[in-house]
Amino acid sequence: MKKIHVLVLKAFFKPFIVTFFIVMFVLLMLFLFKYIDDLIGKGFEWYVILELLWYASAAQISMAMPLAMLLSSIMTFGNLGESYELVAIKAAGISLKKAMMPLIILVGLISVGSFFFSDYILPITNLKMGSLLYDVRNKKADFLIKDGIFNNSIPGYSIRAQNKSKDGTVLYNLIIYQHSNISRGTNVLLAKEGVMYNSRDNNYMILKLKDGVRYEETTAGNRSYNPRQQFTRYYFKQTEQKFDMSTFQMKRTDEDLFKSHSMMLNLKQLEYYTDSTTKMLDSIRGTIFNEIKGNYKLFNTYQARQNKPLKKDDSLSTFNHSFAEVIPADKRIVALNNSLTDIRYIKEVLDMKAKSDKDFDLSIVRYILEYHKKFTLAVSCLLLFSIGAPLGAIIRKGGLGLPVVMAIIFFLIYHIISTIAEKSAKEGDIGPIMGTWTAIIVLTPLAIFLIYKAATDSALFDIENYKLAANKFINRLKTHYNKYFKKKNR
């Protein structure tokens, strides 16, 4: 019995490790393809890219783990079935359930570990990756001068070089226009050659210019022509021009700004934010009438001045009176203007409160969704294993052919259902709890059906059985048709 358990565990462990890293590699490539435009041409250090990929790989475990569990389970039992090892196990009097018991325990431990990972490690990973990705996407592209084209990347300057060296550090035939918001004058610098290098702190770019001239023209404070305006011309053999490059450096944003996002909270924090947001939403809803009740009048100004408030008995008859009968002619314009003012104020208050109500309600839904997603990661590993293991035992095909196709099909079904349900929950069509557990509820009967078919040695995917059943059905139709045709001829 122990040898069988070791055999099953070895047969599962190797495909699980291989498929997990393959899936992680594919997901990382998709991540790079998604953000490739934000990474190229910005001069990041190698450790920044490596740090981003490290956090991204940890964040992708929530999707890679269920898919690897499904694919490895199909491959494991497909290989055992194809090599008739499952038949030998059953011939020895050992049921499939007993042979799988250590594997079921291992999968259970992996699922429990994935729950703790999603509760303790994943929020920190999402926080680190989210803040770093925000800084990466907001960083400006590196300063690059192309031949014969003006570059306006540096604020206040336009730089043009006719050509440059192969390494891009030496520029030839330079023209530099300086645009100053303080002075209305013109500042132009021409140089035959310029050597470009950075300061030690990389906050400044320094151009060491050779053989050039600098033109400065200042006005008396207006742009009109002034014959007494000053014009200065400087010739130089060598000089340096310093440019502020601090805007091109990546600045790390404070991570505390991202901590309130639902994906960056654990279970206790999600409970706290859900309760606090719910209280804020209730307080907003409770103050709506108090803000508009001063402008929401059940009696008109004329009756208020006459000290004749409306009574319950005659309110309907009063409202049925015409506008001319209730308000005198000299008061009508004032009454209309006051009413329009009250209506505008009430509308603005209700619009503002409706927007705040929608934002708070969406935040609560996201907190609840993320709260339940901590549990669905562990449950999805168990569910997809329950689908993959009996499916592999039924199809009896190993390798990376049919098992991969079947795994991708079932995982896409699970992922599409969960994505649609989560989106519907955010839009308010269904509840957030139902939006999180819909995919698991839909696929659980399928897992039970496949487990039953695998336990009873059903040839569910045997094409020959379906051909025999189809032939029997066709023969029955032919028999009934012949009997009916003979009766009709009589």
Protein backbone atom coordinates (compact mmCIF):
# COMPACT_ATOMS: atom_id res chain seq x y z
CA MET A 1 0.00 0.00 0.00
CA LYS A 2 2.81 2.44 0.85
CA LYS A 3 4.52 1.75 -2.48
CA ILE A 4 1.31 2.64 -4.30
CA HIS A 5 1.02 5.87 -2.32
CA VAL A 6 4.64 6.78 -3.11
CA LEU A 7 4.04 5.93 -6.78
CA VAL A 8 1.00 8.21 -6.98
CA LEU A 9 2.75 11.05 -5.15
CA LYS A 10 5.82 10.86 -7.40
CA ALA A 11 3.64 10.70 -10.48
CA PHE A 12 1.84 13.90 -9.35
CA PHE A 13 4.71 15.94 -7.88
CA LYS A 14 6.91 16.14 -10.99
CA PRO A 15 4.14 17.24 -13.44
CA PHE A 16 2.88 19.73 -10.86
CA ILE A 17 6.27 21.46 -10.52
CA VAL A 18 6.84 21.50 -14.29
CA THR A 19 3.37 22.77 -15.19
CA PHE A 20 3.46 25.38 -12.41
CA PHE A 21 6.65 26.96 -13.72
CA ILE A 22 5.44 26.74 -17.33
CA VAL A 23 2.22 28.52 -16.42
CA MET A 24 4.16 31.13 -14.42
CA PHE A 25 6.43 31.76 -17.40
CA VAL A 26 3.45 32.22 -19.74
CA LEU A 27 1.72 34.60 -17.32
CA LEU A 28 4.92 36.64 -16.89
CA MET A 29 5.26 36.93 -20.66
CA LEU A 30 1.67 38.19 -20.84
CA PHE A 31 2.50 40.71 -18.11
CA LEU A 32 5.53 41.93 -20.06
CA PHE A 33 3.55 42.20 -23.30
CA LYS A 34 0.92 44.24 -21.47
CA TYR A 35 3.36 46.77 -20.02
CA ILE A 36 6.14 46.61 -22.62
CA ASP A 37 5.46 50.18 -23.78
CA ASP A 38 5.93 51.47 -20.23
CA LEU A 39 9.28 49.71 -19.80
CA ILE A 40 11.09 50.33 -23.08
CA GLY A 41 13.12 53.49 -23.60
CA LYS A 42 13.07 54.73 -19.99
CA GLY A 43 16.55 53.65 -18.96
CA PHE A 44 15.60 51.49 -15.98
CA GLU A 45 18.31 49.71 -14.06
CA TRP A 46 18.30 45.93 -14.29
CA TYR A 47 17.34 45.51 -10.64
CA VAL A 48 14.18 47.62 -11.12
CA ILE A 49 12.95 45.31 -13.90
CA LEU A 50 13.92 42.25 -11.86
CA GLU A 51 12.08 43.58 -8.80
CA LEU A 52 8.96 44.26 -10.86
CA LEU A 53 9.04 40.76 -12.37
CA TRP A 54 9.56 39.23 -8.92
CA TYR A 55 6.46 40.95 -7.52
CA ALA A 56 4.48 40.16 -10.68
CA SER A 57 5.39 36.46 -10.45
CA ALA A 58 4.24 36.34 -6.82
CA ALA A 59 0.98 38.09 -7.75
CA GLN A 60 0.35 35.60 -10.59
CA ILE A 61 0.39 32.61 -8.23
CA SER A 62 -3.32 33.08 -7.56
CA MET A 63 -4.00 32.22 -11.22
CA ALA A 64 -1.11 29.83 -11.84
CA MET A 65 -1.83 27.54 -8.88
CA PRO A 66 -5.35 26.39 -9.91
CA LEU A 67 -4.33 25.95 -13.55
CA ALA A 68 -1.22 23.96 -12.60
CA MET A 69 -3.32 21.83 -10.24
CA LEU A 70 -5.80 21.03 -13.00
CA LEU A 71 -3.19 20.31 -15.66
CA SER A 72 -0.91 18.20 -13.45
CA SER A 73 -3.80 16.10 -12.12
CA ILE A 74 -5.00 15.33 -15.65
CA MET A 75 -1.47 14.46 -16.76
CA THR A 76 -0.79 12.31 -13.67
CA PHE A 77 -3.84 10.08 -13.90
CA GLY A 78 -3.72 10.13 -17.69
CA ASN A 79 -0.20 8.69 -17.54
CA LEU A 80 -1.23 6.11 -14.92
CA GLY A 81 -4.21 5.11 -17.01
CA GLU A 82 -2.28 4.96 -20.27
CA SER A 83 0.40 2.69 -18.74
CA TYR A 84 -2.34 0.49 -17.16
CA GLU A 85 -1.05 1.22 -13.67
CA LEU A 86 -4.53 2.20 -12.52
CA VAL A 87 -5.80 -1.16 -13.79
CA ALA A 88 -3.08 -2.94 -11.81
CA ILE A 89 -3.98 -0.98 -8.67
CA LYS A 90 -7.65 -1.88 -9.00
CA ALA A 91 -6.76 -5.51 -9.79
CA ALA A 92 -4.84 -5.64 -6.49
CA GLY A 93 -8.09 -4.89 -4.68
CA ILE A 94 -7.29 -1.25 -3.91
CA SER A 95 -9.94 1.29 -4.78
CA LEU A 96 -9.10 4.52 -6.53
CA LYS A 97 -10.13 6.48 -3.43
CA LYS A 98 -7.65 4.64 -1.18
CA ALA A 99 -4.85 4.99 -3.72
CA MET A 100 -5.49 8.74 -3.99
CA MET A 101 -5.80 9.41 -0.24
CA PRO A 102 -2.19 10.69 0.31
CA LEU A 103 -2.52 12.80 -2.83
CA ILE A 104 -5.81 14.23 -1.59
CA ILE A 105 -4.10 15.14 1.71
CA LEU A 106 -1.23 16.79 -0.19
CA VAL A 107 -3.63 18.80 -2.33
CA GLY A 108 -5.51 19.81 0.80
CA LEU A 109 -2.30 21.07 2.39
CA ILE A 110 -1.46 23.01 -0.79
CA SER A 111 -4.94 24.56 -0.74
CA VAL A 112 -4.56 25.58 2.93
CA GLY A 113 -1.16 27.05 2.10
CA SER A 114 -2.66 29.00 -0.79
CA PHE A 115 -5.25 30.45 1.61
CA PHE A 116 -2.57 31.70 3.99
CA PHE A 117 -0.59 32.98 1.00
CA SER A 118 -3.58 34.97 -0.25
CA ASP A 119 -4.23 36.40 3.21
CA TYR A 120 -0.72 37.29 4.38
CA ILE A 121 1.67 37.44 1.42
CA LEU A 122 -0.48 38.40 -1.57
CA PRO A 123 -1.67 41.78 -0.14
CA ILE A 124 1.94 42.82 0.52
CA THR A 125 2.97 41.64 -2.93
CA ASN A 126 0.14 43.57 -4.57
CA LEU A 127 1.10 46.68 -2.60
CA LYS A 128 4.76 46.49 -3.62
CA MET A 129 3.96 45.70 -7.25
CA GLY A 130 1.20 48.32 -7.51
CA SER A 131 3.33 51.16 -6.16
CA LEU A 132 6.37 50.16 -8.26
CA LEU A 133 4.27 49.76 -11.41
CA TYR A 134 2.70 53.18 -10.81
CA ASP A 135 6.15 54.80 -10.61
CA VAL A 136 7.39 52.89 -13.66
CA ARG A 137 4.43 53.95 -15.79
CA ASN A 138 4.70 57.60 -14.73
CA LYS A 139 8.42 57.90 -15.36
CA LYS A 140 9.36 59.95 -18.41
CA ALA A 141 11.24 58.39 -21.27
CA ASP A 142 14.98 58.90 -21.41
CA PHE A 143 16.30 62.09 -22.97
CA LEU A 144 17.19 61.17 -26.57
CA ILE A 145 18.36 63.52 -29.32
CA LYS A 146 17.75 62.42 -32.90
CA ASP A 147 19.71 63.81 -35.83
CA GLY A 148 18.24 67.02 -37.23
CA ILE A 149 15.18 67.06 -34.94
CA PHE A 150 14.44 69.50 -32.12
CA ASN A 151 13.98 67.88 -28.72
CA ASN A 152 11.64 69.66 -26.27
CA SER A 153 11.75 67.08 -23.45
CA ILE A 154 13.70 69.33 -21.05
CA PRO A 155 11.39 72.08 -19.75
CA GLY A 156 12.42 75.51 -21.08
CA TYR A 157 14.80 74.24 -23.75
CA SER A 158 14.74 73.14 -27.40
CA ILE A 159 17.85 71.28 -28.50
CA ARG A 160 18.83 70.26 -32.03
CA ALA A 161 21.97 68.46 -33.24
CA GLN A 162 22.73 67.96 -36.93
CA ASN A 163 24.41 64.63 -36.18
CA LYS A 164 26.04 62.74 -33.31
CA SER A 165 28.61 60.03 -32.59
CA LYS A 166 27.80 56.31 -32.58
CA ASP A 167 27.61 56.12 -28.79
CA GLY A 168 25.44 59.27 -28.69
CA THR A 169 27.64 61.20 -26.25
CA VAL A 170 29.15 63.68 -28.75
CA LEU A 171 26.82 66.07 -30.60
CA TYR A 172 27.80 68.16 -33.63
CA ASN A 173 26.46 71.51 -34.90
CA LEU A 174 24.26 72.21 -31.90
CA ILE A 175 21.44 74.76 -31.63
CA ILE A 176 19.94 75.40 -28.19
CA TYR A 177 16.91 77.69 -27.70
CA GLN A 178 16.16 78.73 -24.14
CA HIS A 179 12.54 79.64 -23.35
CA SER A 180 12.14 81.59 -20.14
CA ASN A 181 8.81 82.48 -18.56
CA ILE A 182 10.37 85.31 -16.56
CA SER A 183 12.19 87.10 -19.34
CA ARG A 184 10.61 87.93 -22.67
CA GLY A 185 13.97 87.94 -24.41
CA THR A 186 15.51 85.46 -26.79
CA ASN A 187 18.44 83.24 -25.85
CA VAL A 188 20.10 81.16 -28.60
CA LEU A 189 23.29 79.15 -28.34
CA LEU A 190 25.24 77.72 -31.30
CA ALA A 191 28.18 75.32 -30.98
CA LYS A 192 30.14 73.13 -33.33
CA GLU A 193 30.54 70.31 -30.82
CA GLY A 194 29.12 69.23 -27.48
CA VAL A 195 30.08 66.36 -25.17
CA MET A 196 27.16 65.08 -23.07
CA TYR A 197 27.53 63.41 -19.65
CA ASN A 198 25.60 63.19 -16.38
CA SER A 199 26.45 64.57 -12.96
CA ARG A 200 27.36 62.22 -10.14
CA ASP A 201 23.86 62.21 -8.67
CA ASN A 202 22.29 61.84 -12.17
CA ASN A 203 20.07 64.85 -11.48
CA TYR A 204 21.76 67.04 -14.10
CA MET A 205 22.94 66.60 -17.65
CA ILE A 206 26.04 68.62 -18.55
CA LEU A 207 26.93 69.68 -22.09
CA LYS A 208 30.57 70.59 -22.55
CA LEU A 209 30.38 72.93 -25.57
CA LYS A 210 33.24 73.93 -27.87
CA ASP A 211 33.67 76.71 -30.49
CA GLY A 212 30.38 78.51 -30.30
CA VAL A 213 28.48 81.72 -29.81
CA ARG A 214 25.63 82.77 -27.55
CA TYR A 215 23.03 85.38 -28.51
CA GLU A 216 20.92 87.17 -25.90
CA GLU A 217 18.27 89.73 -26.70
CA THR A 218 16.25 91.41 -23.97
CA THR A 219 13.25 93.76 -24.23
CA ALA A 220 11.97 96.47 -21.94
CA GLY A 221 9.09 94.36 -20.65
CA ASN A 222 6.85 94.18 -23.73
CA ARG A 223 7.02 92.39 -27.04
CA SER A 224 6.77 95.56 -29.15
CA TYR A 225 9.81 96.79 -31.06
CA ASN A 226 12.13 98.93 -28.99
CA PRO A 227 15.18 100.55 -30.70
CA ARG A 228 16.93 100.75 -27.30
CA GLN A 229 16.62 97.03 -26.53
CA GLN A 230 19.79 95.27 -25.52
CA PHE A 231 21.50 92.71 -27.75
CA THR A 232 24.49 90.71 -26.46
CA ARG A 233 26.72 88.26 -28.27
CA TYR A 234 29.31 86.01 -26.54
CA TYR A 235 31.96 83.96 -28.29
CA PHE A 236 33.52 81.05 -26.47
CA LYS A 237 36.08 78.36 -27.06
CA GLN A 238 34.72 76.12 -24.34
CA THR A 239 31.85 76.36 -21.86
CA GLU A 240 29.39 74.15 -19.98
CA GLN A 241 25.61 74.17 -19.99
CA LYS A 242 23.78 72.43 -17.18
CA PHE A 243 20.22 70.98 -17.59
CA ASP A 244 17.97 69.84 -14.76
CA MET A 245 17.12 66.13 -15.33
CA SER A 246 15.32 65.44 -12.05
CA THR A 247 12.01 65.01 -13.90
CA PHE A 248 13.52 62.06 -15.80
CA GLN A 249 14.47 60.19 -12.63
CA MET A 250 12.08 57.61 -11.20
CA LYS A 251 10.76 58.76 -7.83
CA ARG A 252 9.23 56.20 -5.50
CA THR A 253 5.74 57.05 -4.30
CA ASP A 254 4.78 56.52 -0.68
CA GLU A 255 3.20 53.06 -0.38
CA ASP A 256 0.73 54.33 2.25
CA LEU A 257 -1.23 55.97 -0.57
CA PHE A 258 -2.13 52.52 -1.96
CA LYS A 259 -2.83 50.67 1.29
CA SER A 260 -6.59 51.24 1.25
CA HIS A 261 -7.08 49.41 -2.05
CA SER A 262 -9.04 46.18 -1.68
CA MET A 263 -6.36 43.99 -3.29
CA MET A 264 -3.78 45.15 -0.73
CA LEU A 265 -5.70 44.22 2.43
CA ASN A 266 -5.91 41.03 4.48
CA LEU A 267 -9.06 39.58 6.02
CA LYS A 268 -9.02 41.70 9.20
CA GLN A 269 -8.33 44.89 7.25
CA LEU A 270 -11.08 44.06 4.76
CA GLU A 271 -13.56 43.60 7.62
CA TYR A 272 -12.50 46.92 9.13
CA TYR A 273 -12.75 48.85 5.85
CA THR A 274 -16.09 47.22 5.02
CA ASP A 275 -17.60 48.24 8.38
CA SER A 276 -16.18 51.77 8.29
CA THR A 277 -17.30 52.35 4.69
CA THR A 278 -20.77 51.02 5.51
CA LYS A 279 -21.05 53.45 8.44
CA MET A 280 -19.97 56.34 6.22
CA LEU A 281 -22.53 55.32 3.61
CA ASP A 282 -25.31 55.15 6.23
CA SER A 283 -24.37 58.59 7.56
CA ILE A 284 -24.46 60.06 4.05
CA ARG A 285 -27.89 58.57 3.38
CA GLY A 286 -29.15 59.81 6.76
CA THR A 287 -28.17 63.42 6.13
CA ILE A 288 -29.82 63.78 2.72
CA PHE A 289 -33.24 64.88 3.95
CA ASN A 290 -31.76 67.21 6.58
CA GLU A 291 -29.91 69.10 3.84
CA ILE A 292 -32.88 69.55 1.54
CA LYS A 293 -35.78 69.83 3.99
CA GLY A 294 -35.26 73.60 4.22
CA ASN A 295 -35.94 73.86 0.49
CA TYR A 296 -38.63 71.16 0.33
CA LYS A 297 -41.82 73.04 1.34
CA LEU A 298 -45.31 71.59 1.70
CA PHE A 299 -46.90 75.04 1.77
CA ASN A 300 -46.54 78.12 -0.38
CA THR A 301 -45.03 81.44 0.66
CA TYR A 302 -48.30 83.32 0.42
CA GLN A 303 -50.11 81.05 2.85
CA ALA A 304 -47.14 81.09 5.21
CA ARG A 305 -47.27 84.87 5.36
CA GLN A 306 -51.02 84.75 5.97
CA ASN A 307 -50.40 82.18 8.76
CA LYS A 308 -52.65 79.67 6.98
CA PRO A 309 -50.77 76.37 6.74
CA LEU A 310 -52.31 73.57 4.73
CA LYS A 311 -54.51 71.10 6.57
CA LYS A 312 -54.82 67.42 5.82
CA ASP A 313 -58.46 67.82 4.83
CA ASP A 314 -58.07 70.64 2.32
CA SER A 315 -54.50 70.02 1.01
CA LEU A 316 -55.67 68.22 -2.14
CA SER A 317 -58.23 70.85 -2.95
CA THR A 318 -55.65 73.59 -2.44
CA PHE A 319 -53.16 71.93 -4.76
CA ASN A 320 -55.92 71.59 -7.35
CA HIS A 321 -56.29 75.36 -7.45
CA SER A 322 -54.62 77.17 -10.29
CA PHE A 323 -51.40 79.14 -9.92
CA ALA A 324 -53.25 82.45 -10.40
CA GLU A 325 -55.76 81.68 -7.62
CA VAL A 326 -53.16 80.85 -4.97
CA ILE A 327 -50.46 83.53 -5.54
CA PRO A 328 -51.20 87.18 -6.34
CA ALA A 329 -49.88 88.62 -9.58
CA ASP A 330 -47.22 90.80 -7.93
CA LYS A 331 -45.78 87.78 -6.08
CA ARG A 332 -45.67 85.27 -8.93
CA ILE A 333 -42.24 86.15 -10.39
CA VAL A 334 -40.63 86.05 -6.94
CA ALA A 335 -42.34 82.75 -6.18
CA LEU A 336 -41.16 81.22 -9.48
CA ASN A 337 -37.56 82.36 -8.94
CA ASN A 338 -37.55 81.01 -5.39
CA SER A 339 -38.98 77.69 -6.55
CA LEU A 340 -36.41 77.36 -9.34
CA THR A 341 -33.62 78.13 -6.89
CA ASP A 342 -34.89 75.48 -4.48
CA ILE A 343 -35.24 72.92 -7.28
CA ARG A 344 -31.70 73.55 -8.52
CA TYR A 345 -30.29 73.24 -5.02
CA ILE A 346 -32.19 70.00 -4.34
CA LYS A 347 -31.05 68.56 -7.68
CA GLU A 348 -27.40 69.44 -7.03
CA VAL A 349 -27.52 67.93 -3.54
CA LEU A 350 -29.17 64.72 -4.79
CA ASP A 351 -26.72 64.38 -7.69
CA MET A 352 -23.75 64.84 -5.38
CA LYS A 353 -25.13 62.39 -2.81
CA ALA A 354 -25.98 59.85 -5.55
CA LYS A 355 -22.40 59.94 -6.84
CA SER A 356 -20.97 59.54 -3.33
CA ASP A 357 -23.46 56.75 -2.62
CA LYS A 358 -22.42 54.91 -5.78
CA ASP A 359 -18.70 55.26 -5.00
CA PHE A 360 -19.06 54.02 -1.43
CA ASP A 361 -21.32 51.18 -2.50
CA LEU A 362 -18.81 50.08 -5.14
CA SER A 363 -16.02 50.18 -2.54
CA ILE A 364 -18.05 47.95 -0.21
CA VAL A 365 -18.70 45.49 -3.05
CA ARG A 366 -14.98 45.35 -3.86
CA TYR A 367 -14.07 44.74 -0.23
CA ILE A 368 -16.58 41.89 0.02
CA LEU A 369 -15.41 40.40 -3.29
CA GLU A 370 -11.78 40.49 -2.21
CA TYR A 371 -12.71 39.03 1.19
CA HIS A 372 -14.31 35.96 -0.38
CA LYS A 373 -11.60 35.62 -3.02
CA LYS A 374 -9.21 34.73 -0.19
CA PHE A 375 -11.24 31.54 0.29
CA THR A 376 -12.07 30.82 -3.35
CA LEU A 377 -8.35 30.43 -4.22
CA ALA A 378 -8.07 27.46 -1.85
CA VAL A 379 -11.44 26.02 -2.86
CA SER A 380 -10.66 26.39 -6.58
CA CYS A 381 -7.48 24.31 -6.15
CA LEU A 382 -9.54 21.51 -4.60
CA LEU A 383 -12.28 21.86 -7.19
CA LEU A 384 -10.00 21.79 -10.23
CA PHE A 385 -8.11 18.82 -8.78
CA SER A 386 -11.45 17.06 -8.33
CA ILE A 387 -12.15 17.73 -12.01
CA GLY A 388 -8.67 16.93 -13.35
CA ALA A 389 -7.95 13.68 -11.47
CA PRO A 390 -11.07 11.75 -12.54
CA LEU A 391 -10.89 13.30 -16.00
CA GLY A 392 -7.35 11.98 -16.46
CA ALA A 393 -8.40 8.53 -15.20
CA ILE A 394 -11.25 8.48 -17.72
CA ILE A 395 -9.45 9.71 -20.85
CA ARG A 396 -6.29 7.63 -20.06
CA LYS A 397 -4.00 9.86 -22.09
CA GLY A 398 -0.76 11.33 -20.73
CA GLY A 399 1.80 13.79 -22.02
CA LEU A 400 1.21 17.35 -23.17
CA GLY A 401 -1.35 16.66 -25.89
CA LEU A 402 -4.96 15.99 -24.97
CA PRO A 403 -4.47 16.74 -21.23
CA VAL A 404 -3.33 20.28 -22.03
CA VAL A 405 -6.31 20.85 -24.31
CA MET A 406 -8.79 19.54 -21.72
CA ALA A 407 -7.13 21.56 -18.92
CA ILE A 408 -7.26 24.79 -20.92
CA ILE A 409 -10.92 24.22 -21.82
CA PHE A 410 -12.05 23.63 -18.24
CA PHE A 411 -9.89 26.44 -16.84
CA LEU A 412 -11.26 28.87 -19.42
CA ILE A 413 -14.79 27.85 -18.44
CA TYR A 414 -13.96 28.48 -14.78
CA HIS A 415 -12.17 31.77 -15.48
CA ILE A 416 -14.87 33.14 -17.82
CA ILE A 417 -17.68 32.32 -15.39
CA SER A 418 -15.82 33.89 -12.44
CA THR A 419 -14.92 37.01 -14.46
CA ILE A 420 -18.47 37.55 -15.70
CA ALA A 421 -19.93 36.96 -12.24
CA GLU A 422 -17.46 39.36 -10.60
CA LYS A 423 -18.19 42.04 -13.18
CA SER A 424 -21.94 41.57 -12.67
CA ALA A 425 -21.43 41.94 -8.91
CA LYS A 426 -19.55 45.23 -9.39
CA GLU A 427 -22.36 46.50 -11.62
CA GLY A 428 -24.96 45.55 -8.99
CA ASP A 429 -26.72 42.85 -11.01
CA ILE A 430 -25.97 40.13 -8.45
CA GLY A 431 -24.68 40.10 -4.89
CA PRO A 432 -20.93 40.16 -4.23
CA ILE A 433 -20.97 36.79 -2.44
CA MET A 434 -22.76 35.17 -5.35
CA GLY A 435 -20.38 36.86 -7.77
CA THR A 436 -17.40 35.26 -6.05
CA TRP A 437 -18.75 31.73 -5.67
CA THR A 438 -20.72 31.35 -8.92
CA ALA A 439 -17.95 29.54 -10.84
CA ILE A 440 -17.40 27.08 -7.98
CA ILE A 441 -21.14 26.45 -7.61
CA VAL A 442 -21.51 25.82 -11.36
CA LEU A 443 -18.52 23.45 -11.66
CA THR A 444 -19.05 21.47 -8.44
CA PRO A 445 -21.78 19.19 -9.96
CA LEU A 446 -19.42 18.51 -12.89
CA ALA A 447 -16.67 17.45 -10.46
CA ILE A 448 -19.08 15.13 -8.62
CA PHE A 449 -20.23 13.62 -11.93
CA LEU A 450 -16.64 12.99 -13.10
CA ILE A 451 -15.66 11.44 -9.74
CA TYR A 452 -18.64 9.09 -9.99
CA LYS A 453 -17.77 8.12 -13.57
CA ALA A 454 -14.12 7.51 -12.68
CA ALA A 455 -15.06 5.38 -9.64
CA THR A 456 -17.39 3.22 -11.76
CA ASP A 457 -14.81 2.80 -14.61
CA SER A 458 -17.05 4.57 -17.09
CA ALA A 459 -15.75 4.98 -20.64
CA LEU A 460 -17.04 8.52 -20.87
CA PHE A 461 -14.67 9.61 -23.65
CA ASP A 462 -14.52 6.32 -25.56
CA ILE A 463 -15.53 7.15 -29.14
CA GLU A 464 -16.35 3.53 -29.96
CA ASN A 465 -19.11 3.43 -27.35
CA TYR A 466 -20.70 6.54 -28.82
CA LYS A 467 -20.47 5.01 -32.31
CA LEU A 468 -22.20 1.83 -31.11
CA ALA A 469 -24.91 3.89 -29.39
CA ALA A 470 -25.41 5.99 -32.53
CA ASN A 471 -25.66 2.85 -34.71
CA LYS A 472 -28.22 1.32 -32.36
CA PHE A 473 -30.26 4.50 -32.45
CA ILE A 474 -30.12 4.62 -36.26
CA ASN A 475 -31.13 0.95 -36.52
CA ARG A 476 -34.10 1.54 -34.25
CA LEU A 477 -35.20 4.45 -36.39
CA LYS A 478 -34.91 2.32 -39.51
CA THR A 479 -36.92 -0.48 -37.88
CA HIS A 480 -39.71 1.86 -36.79
CA TYR A 481 -39.71 3.52 -40.19
CA ASN A 482 -40.00 0.17 -42.02
CA LYS A 483 -42.86 -0.97 -39.77
CA TYR A 484 -44.68 2.29 -40.31
CA PHE A 485 -44.13 2.12 -44.09
CA LYS A 486 -45.45 -1.48 -44.28
CA LYS A 487 -48.59 -0.60 -42.28
CA LYS A 488 -49.23 2.36 -44.52
CA ASN A 489 -48.92 0.23 -47.72
CA ARG A 490 -51.47 -2.27 -46.33
